[in-house]
C-alpha atoms as a PDB file:
ATOM      1  CA  MET A   1      13.117 -39.345   3.081  1.00  0.00           C
ATOM      2  CA  SER A   2      12.839 -41.438   0.277  1.00  0.00           C
ATOM      3  CA  SER A   3      14.709 -44.260   1.765  1.00  0.00           C
ATOM      4  CA  PRO A   4      12.684 -47.471   2.993  1.00  0.00           C
ATOM      5  CA  SER A   5      14.259 -46.231   6.613  1.00  0.00           C
ATOM      6  CA  GLY A   6      13.284 -43.158   6.512  1.00  0.00           C
ATOM      7  CA  LYS A   7       9.388 -43.545   5.677  1.00  0.00           C
ATOM      8  CA  PHE A   8       9.437 -46.233   7.730  1.00  0.00           C
ATOM      9  CA  VAL A   9      10.741 -44.042  11.195  1.00  0.00           C
ATOM     10  CA  LEU A  10       7.942 -41.597   9.925  1.00  0.00           C
ATOM     11  CA  LYS A  11       5.417 -43.876   9.709  1.00  0.00           C
ATOM     12  CA  ILE A  12       6.012 -44.882  13.024  1.00  0.00           C
ATOM     13  CA  CYS A  13       6.324 -41.868  14.300  1.00  0.00           C
ATOM     14  CA  VAL A  14       2.696 -40.909  13.194  1.00  0.00           C
ATOM     15  CA  LEU A  15       1.368 -44.176  14.266  1.00  0.00           C
ATOM     16  CA  THR A  16       2.894 -43.343  18.060  1.00  0.00           C
ATOM     17  CA  ILE A  17       0.903 -40.275  17.497  1.00  0.00           C
ATOM     18  CA  ILE A  18      -2.282 -41.677  16.851  1.00  0.00           C
ATOM     19  CA  ILE A  19      -2.021 -43.846  19.507  1.00  0.00           C
ATOM     20  CA  ALA A  20      -1.299 -41.518  22.070  1.00  0.00           C
ATOM     21  CA  ALA A  21      -3.703 -39.392  21.004  1.00  0.00           C
ATOM     22  CA  PHE A  22      -6.660 -41.859  21.167  1.00  0.00           C
ATOM     23  CA  SER A  23      -5.106 -43.419  24.161  1.00  0.00           C
ATOM     24  CA  ALA A  24      -5.162 -39.713  26.022  1.00  0.00           C
ATOM     25  CA  ALA A  25      -8.881 -39.589  24.719  1.00  0.00           C
ATOM     26  CA  LEU A  26     -10.128 -43.237  26.030  1.00  0.00           C
ATOM     27  CA  PHE A  27      -7.786 -42.215  29.618  1.00  0.00           C
ATOM     28  CA  LEU A  28      -9.225 -39.143  29.742  1.00  0.00           C
ATOM     29  CA  SER A  29     -13.041 -40.015  29.459  1.00  0.00           C
ATOM     30  CA  PHE A  30     -14.108 -43.963  29.924  1.00  0.00           C
ATOM     31  CA  LEU A  31     -10.911 -45.210  31.210  1.00  0.00           C
ATOM     32  CA  ARG A  32      -9.705 -42.724  33.959  1.00  0.00           C
ATOM     33  CA  ASP A  33      -9.634 -45.206  36.451  1.00  0.00           C
ATOM     34  CA  TYR A  34      -7.538 -47.163  34.639  1.00  0.00           C
ATOM     35  CA  TYR A  35      -4.543 -44.650  33.437  1.00  0.00           C
ATOM     36  CA  PHE A  36      -0.935 -45.300  35.098  1.00  0.00           C
ATOM     37  CA  LYS A  37       1.581 -42.832  34.891  1.00  0.00           C
ATOM     38  CA  ILE A  38       4.023 -45.302  33.048  1.00  0.00           C
ATOM     39  CA  PHE A  39       1.922 -45.418  29.814  1.00  0.00           C
ATOM     40  CA  PRO A  40       3.856 -42.736  27.747  1.00  0.00           C
ATOM     41  CA  PHE A  41       7.279 -44.516  28.388  1.00  0.00           C
ATOM     42  CA  ILE A  42       5.714 -47.870  27.185  1.00  0.00           C
ATOM     43  CA  VAL A  43       4.231 -46.391  23.829  1.00  0.00           C
ATOM     44  CA  ILE A  44       7.692 -45.024  23.740  1.00  0.00           C
ATOM     45  CA  LEU A  45       9.963 -47.676  24.518  1.00  0.00           C
ATOM     46  CA  ILE A  46       7.902 -50.068  22.171  1.00  0.00           C
ATOM     47  CA  ALA A  47       7.919 -47.663  19.028  1.00  0.00           C
ATOM     48  CA  VAL A  48      11.972 -46.865  19.613  1.00  0.00           C
ATOM     49  CA  VAL A  49      12.943 -50.669  19.809  1.00  0.00           C
ATOM     50  CA  THR A  50      10.329 -51.877  17.451  1.00  0.00           C
ATOM     51  CA  THR A  51      12.359 -49.201  14.851  1.00  0.00           C
ATOM     52  CA  ILE A  52      16.125 -50.675  15.770  1.00  0.00           C
ATOM     53  CA  GLY A  53      14.478 -54.112  15.309  1.00  0.00           C
ATOM     54  CA  HIS A  54      13.327 -52.993  12.047  1.00  0.00           C
ATOM     55  CA  LEU A  55      15.973 -50.846  10.646  1.00  0.00           C
ATOM     56  CA  TRP A  56      18.223 -54.070  11.712  1.00  0.00           C
ATOM     57  CA  VAL A  57      16.070 -56.428   9.606  1.00  0.00           C
ATOM     58  CA  ILE A  58      15.520 -54.252   6.546  1.00  0.00           C
ATOM     59  CA  ARG A  59      19.690 -53.894   6.814  1.00  0.00           C
ATOM     60  CA  ALA A  60      20.515 -57.776   6.926  1.00  0.00           C
ATOM     61  CA  SER A  61      17.472 -58.639   4.227  1.00  0.00           C
ATOM     62  CA  ASN A  62      19.995 -55.818   1.997  1.00  0.00           C
ATOM     63  CA  GLN A  63      22.444 -58.973   2.171  1.00  0.00           C
ATOM     64  CA  ASN A  64      21.179 -62.169   1.884  1.00  0.00           C
ATOM     65  CA  THR A  65      18.162 -63.825   2.682  1.00  0.00           C
ATOM     66  CA  LEU A  66      20.108 -65.937   5.279  1.00  0.00           C
ATOM     67  CA  LYS A  67      21.015 -62.937   7.086  1.00  0.00           C
ATOM     68  CA  PHE A  68      17.714 -61.886   6.794  1.00  0.00           C
ATOM     69  CA  THR A  69      16.209 -64.830   8.785  1.00  0.00           C
ATOM     70  CA  THR A  70      18.569 -64.443  11.525  1.00  0.00           C
ATOM     71  CA  ALA A  71      18.285 -61.282  12.239  1.00  0.00           C
ATOM     72  CA  PHE A  72      14.036 -61.319  11.953  1.00  0.00           C
ATOM     73  CA  MET A  73      14.525 -63.955  14.499  1.00  0.00           C
ATOM     74  CA  GLY A  74      17.056 -62.358  16.685  1.00  0.00           C
ATOM     75  CA  SER A  75      15.065 -58.917  16.613  1.00  0.00           C
ATOM     76  CA  THR A  76      12.366 -60.558  17.746  1.00  0.00           C
ATOM     77  CA  THR A  77      13.948 -62.569  20.173  1.00  0.00           C
ATOM     78  CA  LEU A  78      15.448 -59.666  21.635  1.00  0.00           C
ATOM     79  CA  LYS A  79      12.489 -57.324  21.793  1.00  0.00           C
ATOM     80  CA  LEU A  80      10.678 -60.430  23.862  1.00  0.00           C
ATOM     81  CA  ILE A  81      13.477 -59.962  26.000  1.00  0.00           C
ATOM     82  CA  ILE A  82      13.725 -56.425  26.631  1.00  0.00           C
ATOM     83  CA  TYR A  83       9.783 -56.020  26.923  1.00  0.00           C
ATOM     84  CA  LEU A  84       9.811 -58.887  29.735  1.00  0.00           C
ATOM     85  CA  PHE A  85      12.534 -57.417  31.644  1.00  0.00           C
ATOM     86  CA  PHE A  86      10.583 -53.639  31.362  1.00  0.00           C
ATOM     87  CA  MET A  87       7.359 -55.675  32.482  1.00  0.00           C
ATOM     88  CA  LEU A  88       8.780 -57.311  35.535  1.00  0.00           C
ATOM     89  CA  ILE A  89      10.953 -54.098  36.616  1.00  0.00           C
ATOM     90  CA  CYS A  90       7.615 -52.364  36.371  1.00  0.00           C
ATOM     91  CA  LEU A  91       5.216 -54.334  37.779  1.00  0.00           C
ATOM     92  CA  TRP A  92       7.722 -55.437  40.790  1.00  0.00           C
ATOM     93  CA  ILE A  93       8.094 -50.908  41.220  1.00  0.00           C
ATOM     94  CA  ASP A  94       4.336 -50.668  41.252  1.00  0.00           C
ATOM     95  CA  HIS A  95       1.794 -53.541  41.090  1.00  0.00           C
ATOM     96  CA  SER A  96      -1.389 -51.813  41.907  1.00  0.00           C
ATOM     97  CA  GLN A  97      -2.817 -51.851  38.446  1.00  0.00           C
ATOM     98  CA  THR A  98      -1.367 -55.115  37.135  1.00  0.00           C
ATOM     99  CA  ILE A  99      -4.220 -56.269  34.985  1.00  0.00           C
ATOM    100  CA  SER A 100      -4.448 -52.671  33.153  1.00  0.00           C
ATOM    101  CA  PHE A 101      -0.661 -52.631  32.805  1.00  0.00           C
ATOM    102  CA  VAL A 102      -0.213 -56.011  30.895  1.00  0.00           C
ATOM    103  CA  LEU A 103      -3.153 -55.933  28.954  1.00  0.00           C
ATOM    104  CA  THR A 104      -2.413 -52.142  27.430  1.00  0.00           C
ATOM    105  CA  PHE A 105       1.329 -53.398  26.997  1.00  0.00           C
ATOM    106  CA  ILE A 106       0.136 -56.520  25.093  1.00  0.00           C
ATOM    107  CA  LEU A 107      -2.056 -54.499  23.098  1.00  0.00           C
ATOM    108  CA  LEU A 108       0.560 -52.143  22.299  1.00  0.00           C
ATOM    109  CA  TYR A 109       2.961 -55.309  21.226  1.00  0.00           C
ATOM    110  CA  ILE A 110       0.342 -56.555  18.934  1.00  0.00           C
ATOM    111  CA  ILE A 111      -0.597 -53.118  17.194  1.00  0.00           C
ATOM    112  CA  PHE A 112       3.201 -52.405  16.513  1.00  0.00           C
ATOM    113  CA  THR A 113       4.331 -55.889  15.900  1.00  0.00           C
ATOM    114  CA  VAL A 114       1.469 -56.350  12.942  1.00  0.00           C
ATOM    115  CA  PHE A 115       2.263 -52.939  11.879  1.00  0.00           C
ATOM    116  CA  GLU A 116       6.413 -53.757  11.723  1.00  0.00           C
ATOM    117  CA  VAL A 117       5.449 -57.151  10.016  1.00  0.00           C
ATOM    118  CA  ILE A 118       3.176 -55.450   7.146  1.00  0.00           C
ATOM    119  CA  GLU A 119       6.335 -52.900   6.654  1.00  0.00           C
ATOM    120  CA  ILE A 120       8.717 -55.561   5.891  1.00  0.00           C
ATOM    121  CA  LEU A 121       6.711 -57.701   3.794  1.00  0.00           C
ATOM    122  CA  ARG A 122       5.897 -54.811   1.617  1.00  0.00           C
ATOM    123  CA  TYR A 123       9.381 -54.175   1.911  1.00  0.00           C
ATOM    124  CA  ILE A 124      10.593 -57.829   0.536  1.00  0.00           C
ATOM    125  CA  LYS A 125       8.040 -57.692  -2.149  1.00  0.00           C
ATOM    126  CA  LYS A 126       9.745 -54.905  -3.701  1.00  0.00           C
END
């Protein structure tokens, strides 16, 4: 996996496993009352959408700066729309743990977004 895309997929898989392990430890001990059944799907959704968006941006950056900018903005917009719809559907189905659901989603979004931006900046510097 020497390609930038392969390296990113490997890194995001490792990040996802670390988050899942850390979250499992927290939800099995301190935050037992705040666990919700859809949590694993949130982690998987954000990881998959982040990976697809990142690969789109990397492919566009190989063409020219204008396409990179368009792809980055488009990727960010599409991700936010997908996440918003996912959150609305989940909260419409079960709104018993709204606060913990939203805070967890936002925290995961921030973690994966910071990771993606760092990786994009590393790639562009090369």
